[in-house]
Amino acid sequence: MKSDSSAYCNCFEVLGNRLRIDLINELMRTPHSVSELALLLDAEQSRVSHSLDALRKCGFVEARREGKKMIYTVPAGFAKKVKERGIFAALEMHYASHAGECWRCEE
């Protein structure tokens, strides 16, 4: 079992990527599919898909199926925390409730 500091580093490592931060920002506005996000952010679909998977494993985004597409969104609780307290306070609270999940965030 990893130490708390190691799990904490894994969560921040997942967020230490500009595309992933851009994905979170876009998904806080409105849900999107991978292809929509790739177009909006001018990024390769495979890179967007890989980044969304890493964010999903740590609980930063959620996915639901609509027909053949997966639609991604930021969990309402996380988005609310960001709006109320700012990104760093929201990340601290998110980590406190998802530490076990973040241990799986290694790429």
N, C-alpha and C. Protein backbone atom coordinates (compact mmCIF):
# COMPACT_ATOMS: atom_id res chain seq x y z
N MET A 1 0.85 -1.18 0.00
CA MET A 1 0.00 0.00 0.00
C MET A 1 0.89 1.24 0.00
N LYS A 2 0.55 2.18 -0.81
CA LYS A 2 1.36 3.38 -0.94
C LYS A 2 1.07 4.36 0.19
N SER A 3 2.03 5.21 0.46
CA SER A 3 1.84 6.24 1.49
C SER A 3 0.88 7.30 0.98
N ASP A 4 0.33 8.08 1.92
CA ASP A 4 -0.58 9.16 1.54
C ASP A 4 0.11 10.14 0.61
N SER A 5 1.37 10.46 0.88
CA SER A 5 2.06 11.43 0.03
C SER A 5 2.23 10.89 -1.38
N SER A 6 2.45 9.59 -1.51
CA SER A 6 2.58 8.99 -2.83
C SER A 6 1.26 9.05 -3.59
N ALA A 7 0.16 8.75 -2.90
CA ALA A 7 -1.17 8.82 -3.55
C ALA A 7 -1.48 10.26 -3.94
N TYR A 8 -1.12 11.18 -3.06
CA TYR A 8 -1.35 12.60 -3.34
C TYR A 8 -0.58 13.01 -4.59
N CYS A 9 0.68 12.58 -4.70
CA CYS A 9 1.49 12.89 -5.88
C CYS A 9 0.86 12.32 -7.15
N ASN A 10 0.30 11.11 -7.06
CA ASN A 10 -0.34 10.50 -8.23
C ASN A 10 -1.50 11.35 -8.72
N CYS A 11 -2.32 11.85 -7.80
CA CYS A 11 -3.45 12.69 -8.21
C CYS A 11 -2.96 13.96 -8.89
N PHE A 12 -1.95 14.58 -8.33
CA PHE A 12 -1.45 15.81 -8.94
C PHE A 12 -0.68 15.53 -10.23
N GLU A 13 -0.09 14.35 -10.34
CA GLU A 13 0.57 13.98 -11.59
C GLU A 13 -0.46 13.89 -12.71
N VAL A 14 -1.62 13.35 -12.41
CA VAL A 14 -2.69 13.27 -13.41
C VAL A 14 -3.10 14.66 -13.86
N LEU A 15 -3.08 15.61 -12.95
CA LEU A 15 -3.47 16.98 -13.29
C LEU A 15 -2.32 17.82 -13.83
N GLY A 16 -1.12 17.27 -13.84
CA GLY A 16 0.05 18.01 -14.29
C GLY A 16 0.22 17.97 -15.80
N ASN A 17 -0.87 18.14 -16.49
CA ASN A 17 -0.88 18.05 -17.95
C ASN A 17 -1.88 19.08 -18.45
N ARG A 18 -1.44 19.96 -19.30
CA ARG A 18 -2.29 21.07 -19.77
C ARG A 18 -3.58 20.58 -20.41
N LEU A 19 -3.50 19.53 -21.22
CA LEU A 19 -4.70 19.02 -21.87
C LEU A 19 -5.73 18.58 -20.83
N ARG A 20 -5.28 17.91 -19.79
CA ARG A 20 -6.22 17.42 -18.77
C ARG A 20 -6.88 18.57 -18.02
N ILE A 21 -6.14 19.63 -17.76
CA ILE A 21 -6.73 20.81 -17.13
C ILE A 21 -7.73 21.45 -18.08
N ASP A 22 -7.38 21.54 -19.35
CA ASP A 22 -8.31 22.08 -20.36
C ASP A 22 -9.57 21.22 -20.46
N LEU A 23 -9.41 19.91 -20.38
CA LEU A 23 -10.57 19.03 -20.42
C LEU A 23 -11.50 19.28 -19.24
N ILE A 24 -10.93 19.39 -18.05
CA ILE A 24 -11.75 19.67 -16.86
C ILE A 24 -12.47 21.00 -17.02
N ASN A 25 -11.76 22.02 -17.47
CA ASN A 25 -12.39 23.33 -17.65
C ASN A 25 -13.54 23.27 -18.65
N GLU A 26 -13.34 22.59 -19.75
CA GLU A 26 -14.39 22.48 -20.76
C GLU A 26 -15.58 21.67 -20.24
N LEU A 27 -15.28 20.60 -19.53
CA LEU A 27 -16.36 19.75 -19.01
C LEU A 27 -17.11 20.39 -17.86
N MET A 28 -16.52 21.37 -17.21
CA MET A 28 -17.25 22.10 -16.17
C MET A 28 -18.32 22.98 -16.81
N ARG A 29 -18.13 23.34 -18.06
CA ARG A 29 -19.13 24.15 -18.78
C ARG A 29 -20.29 23.30 -19.26
N THR A 30 -19.94 22.17 -19.91
CA THR A 30 -20.98 21.32 -20.50
C THR A 30 -20.41 19.93 -20.80
N PRO A 31 -21.23 18.88 -20.73
CA PRO A 31 -20.76 17.53 -21.07
C PRO A 31 -20.41 17.43 -22.56
N HIS A 32 -19.44 16.56 -22.86
CA HIS A 32 -19.00 16.37 -24.25
C HIS A 32 -18.56 14.93 -24.47
N SER A 33 -18.55 14.54 -25.74
CA SER A 33 -17.96 13.26 -26.16
C SER A 33 -16.48 13.49 -26.44
N VAL A 34 -15.75 12.39 -26.63
CA VAL A 34 -14.33 12.48 -26.95
C VAL A 34 -14.12 13.26 -28.25
N SER A 35 -14.90 12.95 -29.27
CA SER A 35 -14.72 13.62 -30.56
C SER A 35 -15.01 15.12 -30.46
N GLU A 36 -16.01 15.50 -29.68
CA GLU A 36 -16.31 16.92 -29.49
C GLU A 36 -15.17 17.63 -28.78
N LEU A 37 -14.64 16.99 -27.75
CA LEU A 37 -13.53 17.58 -27.00
C LEU A 37 -12.28 17.71 -27.87
N ALA A 38 -12.01 16.68 -28.66
CA ALA A 38 -10.84 16.73 -29.55
C ALA A 38 -10.95 17.91 -30.51
N LEU A 39 -12.13 18.13 -31.04
CA LEU A 39 -12.35 19.24 -31.96
C LEU A 39 -12.23 20.59 -31.24
N LEU A 40 -12.87 20.70 -30.09
CA LEU A 40 -12.84 21.96 -29.32
C LEU A 40 -11.43 22.35 -28.89
N LEU A 41 -10.64 21.34 -28.51
CA LEU A 41 -9.31 21.61 -27.96
C LEU A 41 -8.19 21.39 -28.98
N ASP A 42 -8.56 21.10 -30.21
CA ASP A 42 -7.59 20.87 -31.28
C ASP A 42 -6.52 19.86 -30.83
N ALA A 43 -7.01 18.69 -30.39
CA ALA A 43 -6.12 17.64 -29.91
C ALA A 43 -6.49 16.32 -30.58
N GLU A 44 -5.55 15.40 -30.62
CA GLU A 44 -5.81 14.08 -31.20
C GLU A 44 -6.81 13.33 -30.33
N GLN A 45 -7.75 12.62 -30.97
CA GLN A 45 -8.76 11.87 -30.23
C GLN A 45 -8.14 10.87 -29.27
N SER A 46 -7.09 10.19 -29.70
CA SER A 46 -6.47 9.18 -28.83
C SER A 46 -5.89 9.82 -27.57
N ARG A 47 -5.32 11.00 -27.72
CA ARG A 47 -4.75 11.71 -26.56
C ARG A 47 -5.86 12.16 -25.61
N VAL A 48 -6.96 12.66 -26.18
CA VAL A 48 -8.10 13.08 -25.37
C VAL A 48 -8.68 11.88 -24.63
N SER A 49 -8.85 10.77 -25.33
CA SER A 49 -9.40 9.56 -24.74
C SER A 49 -8.53 9.05 -23.59
N HIS A 50 -7.22 9.02 -23.81
CA HIS A 50 -6.28 8.56 -22.78
C HIS A 50 -6.34 9.49 -21.56
N SER A 51 -6.39 10.78 -21.80
CA SER A 51 -6.44 11.76 -20.70
C SER A 51 -7.74 11.64 -19.92
N LEU A 52 -8.85 11.45 -20.62
CA LEU A 52 -10.14 11.28 -19.94
C LEU A 52 -10.15 10.02 -19.08
N ASP A 53 -9.52 8.97 -19.57
CA ASP A 53 -9.45 7.73 -18.79
C ASP A 53 -8.68 7.95 -17.49
N ALA A 54 -7.56 8.65 -17.58
CA ALA A 54 -6.78 8.94 -16.36
C ALA A 54 -7.58 9.80 -15.39
N LEU A 55 -8.27 10.81 -15.90
CA LEU A 55 -9.09 11.68 -15.06
C LEU A 55 -10.26 10.92 -14.45
N ARG A 56 -10.84 10.00 -15.20
CA ARG A 56 -11.97 9.21 -14.71
C ARG A 56 -11.53 8.28 -13.58
N LYS A 57 -10.37 7.67 -13.73
CA LYS A 57 -9.87 6.75 -12.70
C LYS A 57 -9.67 7.44 -11.36
N CYS A 58 -9.38 8.72 -11.39
CA CYS A 58 -9.19 9.48 -10.15
C CYS A 58 -10.46 10.21 -9.71
N GLY A 59 -11.53 10.05 -10.44
CA GLY A 59 -12.79 10.65 -10.04
C GLY A 59 -12.96 12.11 -10.43
N PHE A 60 -12.09 12.63 -11.30
CA PHE A 60 -12.21 14.02 -11.74
C PHE A 60 -13.25 14.20 -12.83
N VAL A 61 -13.54 13.13 -13.57
CA VAL A 61 -14.62 13.17 -14.57
C VAL A 61 -15.43 11.88 -14.45
N GLU A 62 -16.65 11.95 -14.95
CA GLU A 62 -17.53 10.79 -15.01
C GLU A 62 -17.93 10.58 -16.47
N ALA A 63 -18.35 9.35 -16.78
CA ALA A 63 -18.76 9.04 -18.15
C ALA A 63 -20.10 8.31 -18.12
N ARG A 64 -20.91 8.58 -19.13
CA ARG A 64 -22.16 7.85 -19.31
C ARG A 64 -22.32 7.56 -20.80
N ARG A 65 -22.98 6.48 -21.10
CA ARG A 65 -23.17 6.09 -22.50
C ARG A 65 -24.46 6.71 -23.02
N GLU A 66 -24.35 7.30 -24.21
CA GLU A 66 -25.51 7.80 -24.96
C GLU A 66 -25.40 7.20 -26.36
N GLY A 67 -26.15 6.14 -26.60
CA GLY A 67 -26.03 5.44 -27.87
C GLY A 67 -24.65 4.81 -27.99
N LYS A 68 -23.93 5.17 -29.04
CA LYS A 68 -22.58 4.64 -29.25
C LYS A 68 -21.51 5.51 -28.62
N LYS A 69 -21.88 6.69 -28.15
CA LYS A 69 -20.89 7.63 -27.60
C LYS A 69 -20.85 7.58 -26.08
N MET A 70 -19.66 7.85 -25.56
CA MET A 70 -19.49 8.09 -24.13
C MET A 70 -19.50 9.60 -23.95
N ILE A 71 -20.29 10.07 -23.01
CA ILE A 71 -20.37 11.49 -22.71
C ILE A 71 -19.71 11.71 -21.36
N TYR A 72 -18.78 12.65 -21.34
CA TYR A 72 -18.00 12.93 -20.14
C TYR A 72 -18.47 14.24 -19.50
N THR A 73 -18.39 14.27 -18.18
CA THR A 73 -18.74 15.46 -17.42
C THR A 73 -17.92 15.49 -16.13
N VAL A 74 -17.87 16.64 -15.50
CA VAL A 74 -17.23 16.77 -14.20
C VAL A 74 -18.30 16.48 -13.15
N PRO A 75 -18.01 15.65 -12.15
CA PRO A 75 -19.01 15.38 -11.13
C PRO A 75 -19.53 16.68 -10.50
N ALA A 76 -20.83 16.76 -10.28
CA ALA A 76 -21.45 17.98 -9.77
C ALA A 76 -20.82 18.45 -8.46
N GLY A 77 -20.50 17.53 -7.59
CA GLY A 77 -19.91 17.91 -6.30
C GLY A 77 -18.56 18.57 -6.46
N PHE A 78 -17.74 18.05 -7.37
CA PHE A 78 -16.42 18.64 -7.59
C PHE A 78 -16.54 20.02 -8.22
N ALA A 79 -17.42 20.14 -9.22
CA ALA A 79 -17.63 21.45 -9.88
C ALA A 79 -18.12 22.48 -8.88
N LYS A 80 -19.02 22.07 -8.00
CA LYS A 80 -19.56 22.99 -6.98
C LYS A 80 -18.45 23.46 -6.04
N LYS A 81 -17.59 22.52 -5.62
CA LYS A 81 -16.48 22.88 -4.73
C LYS A 81 -15.52 23.86 -5.40
N VAL A 82 -15.24 23.65 -6.69
CA VAL A 82 -14.35 24.57 -7.41
C VAL A 82 -14.96 25.97 -7.43
N LYS A 83 -16.24 26.06 -7.74
CA LYS A 83 -16.91 27.36 -7.82
C LYS A 83 -16.99 28.05 -6.47
N GLU A 84 -17.21 27.29 -5.41
CA GLU A 84 -17.37 27.86 -4.07
C GLU A 84 -16.04 28.20 -3.40
N ARG A 85 -15.06 27.33 -3.55
CA ARG A 85 -13.84 27.46 -2.75
C ARG A 85 -12.55 27.61 -3.55
N GLY A 86 -12.63 27.47 -4.86
CA GLY A 86 -11.42 27.55 -5.68
C GLY A 86 -10.85 26.17 -5.95
N ILE A 87 -10.01 26.10 -6.96
CA ILE A 87 -9.50 24.81 -7.43
C ILE A 87 -8.65 24.10 -6.38
N PHE A 88 -7.80 24.81 -5.64
CA PHE A 88 -6.91 24.13 -4.70
C PHE A 88 -7.67 23.55 -3.52
N ALA A 89 -8.64 24.28 -2.99
CA ALA A 89 -9.47 23.74 -1.91
C ALA A 89 -10.29 22.56 -2.41
N ALA A 90 -10.80 22.65 -3.63
CA ALA A 90 -11.58 21.56 -4.20
C ALA A 90 -10.71 20.31 -4.38
N LEU A 91 -9.48 20.50 -4.83
CA LEU A 91 -8.57 19.35 -5.00
C LEU A 91 -8.26 18.71 -3.65
N GLU A 92 -8.06 19.51 -2.64
CA GLU A 92 -7.78 18.97 -1.30
C GLU A 92 -8.95 18.13 -0.80
N MET A 93 -10.16 18.65 -0.96
CA MET A 93 -11.35 17.91 -0.53
C MET A 93 -11.55 16.67 -1.39
N HIS A 94 -11.29 16.79 -2.68
CA HIS A 94 -11.43 15.65 -3.58
C HIS A 94 -10.45 14.55 -3.19
N TYR A 95 -9.22 14.94 -2.92
CA TYR A 95 -8.21 13.96 -2.52
C TYR A 95 -8.64 13.25 -1.25
N ALA A 96 -9.14 14.00 -0.27
CA ALA A 96 -9.54 13.41 1.01
C ALA A 96 -10.60 12.32 0.82
N SER A 97 -11.49 12.50 -0.15
CA SER A 97 -12.56 11.52 -0.34
C SER A 97 -12.25 10.49 -1.43
N HIS A 98 -11.18 10.65 -2.20
CA HIS A 98 -10.86 9.73 -3.30
C HIS A 98 -9.44 9.18 -3.23
N ALA A 99 -8.79 9.25 -2.08
CA ALA A 99 -7.39 8.85 -2.00
C ALA A 99 -7.17 7.40 -2.47
N GLY A 100 -8.04 6.51 -2.08
CA GLY A 100 -7.90 5.12 -2.50
C GLY A 100 -7.97 4.96 -4.00
N GLU A 101 -8.83 5.73 -4.65
CA GLU A 101 -8.96 5.67 -6.09
C GLU A 101 -7.73 6.25 -6.77
N CYS A 102 -7.16 7.28 -6.21
CA CYS A 102 -6.02 7.95 -6.84
C CYS A 102 -4.79 7.05 -6.84
N TRP A 103 -4.75 6.06 -5.98
CA TRP A 103 -3.62 5.13 -6.01
C TRP A 103 -3.58 4.37 -7.32
N ARG A 104 -4.67 4.33 -8.07
CA ARG A 104 -4.72 3.63 -9.35
C ARG A 104 -4.40 4.54 -10.51
N CYS A 105 -4.02 5.76 -10.26
CA CYS A 105 -3.86 6.73 -11.34
C CYS A 105 -2.55 6.64 -12.09
N GLU A 106 -1.70 5.74 -11.72
CA GLU A 106 -0.42 5.65 -12.42
C GLU A 106 -0.66 5.28 -13.87
N GLU A 107 0.15 5.82 -14.74
CA GLU A 107 -0.03 5.56 -16.17
C GLU A 107 0.84 4.41 -16.63
